[in-house]
Amino acid sequence: MIVELNEENFEQETQKGLKLVEFYTTWCTYCRNQRIELADMEKSDMWIGIVDAEECPQLAQKYGVKGFPTFVLLKDGEKTAEFVGFHEKSKLLNKLMAYIN
């Protein structure tokens, strides 16, 4: 499941559970390629939120996003990990496995 996030719904959507959030920009080639990888994961049970950092600069700043794409892993609303740059689906899933109890 992929959910578009913005400043109005971010806290409500990410406050409970383990949530993977991608910060992206529309002009970033790596972000467009990342979207293809995420589309393969859309039908899974994994919850993925996406934030357009140009539309929501305060959220990007709050989570220390400096490059794109940047993934932030949140557990009950608190930042647990950060993965910067393009990630193939398999490599991203391998990184996430370390945080799943």
Protein backbone atom coordinates (compact mmCIF):
# COMPACT_ATOMS: atom_id res chain seq x y z
CA MET A 1 0.00 0.00 0.00
CA ILE A 2 1.37 3.40 -0.99
CA VAL A 3 -0.10 6.47 0.70
CA GLU A 4 0.46 10.10 -0.36
CA LEU A 5 1.42 12.08 2.73
CA ASN A 6 1.36 15.81 3.40
CA GLU A 7 1.46 18.10 6.40
CA GLU A 8 -2.24 17.56 7.11
CA ASN A 9 -2.21 13.74 7.29
CA PHE A 10 1.41 12.85 8.12
CA GLU A 11 1.13 12.52 11.90
CA GLN A 12 -2.14 10.64 11.85
CA GLU A 13 -0.90 8.17 9.23
CA THR A 14 2.49 7.51 10.87
CA GLN A 15 1.76 7.58 14.61
CA LYS A 16 1.23 3.82 15.09
CA GLY A 17 3.20 0.86 13.83
CA LEU A 18 6.21 0.53 11.56
CA LYS A 19 5.99 2.93 8.61
CA LEU A 20 8.37 3.45 5.70
CA VAL A 21 8.26 6.99 4.28
CA GLU A 22 9.99 8.09 1.10
CA PHE A 23 10.82 11.77 0.62
CA TYR A 24 11.15 12.58 -3.07
CA THR A 25 11.04 15.41 -5.60
CA THR A 26 9.44 15.40 -9.02
CA TRP A 27 12.66 16.53 -10.75
CA CYS A 28 14.82 13.74 -9.30
CA THR A 29 15.66 10.96 -11.77
CA TYR A 30 16.58 8.56 -8.97
CA CYS A 31 13.18 9.25 -7.38
CA ARG A 32 11.38 8.37 -10.61
CA ASN A 33 13.34 5.13 -10.83
CA GLN A 34 12.60 4.45 -7.17
CA ARG A 35 8.88 4.79 -7.91
CA ILE A 36 9.15 1.82 -10.29
CA GLU A 37 10.70 -0.27 -7.50
CA LEU A 38 8.02 0.85 -5.03
CA ALA A 39 5.24 0.01 -7.50
CA ASP A 40 6.37 -3.63 -7.26
CA MET A 41 5.78 -3.44 -3.50
CA GLU A 42 2.38 -1.72 -3.67
CA LYS A 43 0.38 -4.95 -3.59
CA SER A 44 2.21 -6.24 -0.51
CA ASP A 45 1.10 -5.76 3.08
CA MET A 46 3.89 -3.22 3.58
CA TRP A 47 2.77 0.33 4.30
CA ILE A 48 4.76 2.92 2.37
CA GLY A 49 4.17 6.66 2.57
CA ILE A 50 5.48 9.12 0.02
CA VAL A 51 6.13 12.82 0.61
CA ASP A 52 6.85 15.38 -2.09
CA ALA A 53 9.59 17.35 -0.33
CA GLU A 54 8.99 20.42 -2.48
CA GLU A 55 5.33 20.51 -1.45
CA CYS A 56 6.12 19.73 2.22
CA PRO A 57 9.51 21.33 3.00
CA GLN A 58 8.78 21.49 6.75
CA LEU A 59 8.40 17.70 6.91
CA ALA A 60 11.63 17.19 4.96
CA GLN A 61 13.43 19.57 7.31
CA LYS A 62 11.95 17.95 10.43
CA TYR A 63 13.36 14.56 9.38
CA GLY A 64 16.73 15.93 8.24
CA VAL A 65 16.29 15.09 4.56
CA LYS A 66 19.20 16.44 2.54
CA GLY A 67 19.13 14.27 -0.60
CA PHE A 68 16.62 12.40 -2.70
CA PRO A 69 15.21 9.89 -2.46
CA THR A 70 15.46 9.50 1.31
CA PHE A 71 13.59 6.80 3.18
CA VAL A 72 12.75 7.33 6.83
CA LEU A 73 11.60 4.38 8.90
CA LEU A 74 9.24 5.36 11.70
CA LYS A 75 8.14 3.21 14.60
CA ASP A 76 5.12 4.63 16.41
CA GLY A 77 5.92 8.05 14.96
CA GLU A 78 9.60 8.09 16.00
CA LYS A 79 12.45 7.98 13.48
CA THR A 80 14.22 4.63 13.72
CA ALA A 81 16.38 4.58 10.58
CA GLU A 82 17.20 6.46 7.40
CA PHE A 83 18.20 5.11 3.98
CA VAL A 84 19.46 7.66 1.44
CA GLY A 85 19.56 7.15 -2.32
CA PHE A 86 18.07 4.73 -4.81
CA HIS A 87 17.44 1.18 -3.55
CA GLU A 88 16.43 -1.86 -5.54
CA LYS A 89 13.38 -3.59 -4.08
CA SER A 90 15.36 -6.59 -2.78
CA LYS A 91 18.01 -4.43 -1.10
CA LEU A 92 15.41 -2.19 0.49
CA LEU A 93 13.53 -5.21 1.84
CA ASN A 94 16.77 -6.68 3.22
CA LYS A 95 17.48 -3.44 5.09
CA LEU A 96 13.95 -3.36 6.50
CA MET A 97 14.17 -6.94 7.79
CA ALA A 98 16.56 -5.78 10.53
CA TYR A 99 13.78 -3.62 11.99
CA ILE A 100 10.90 -6.08 11.87
CA ASN A 101 10.31 -7.87 15.16
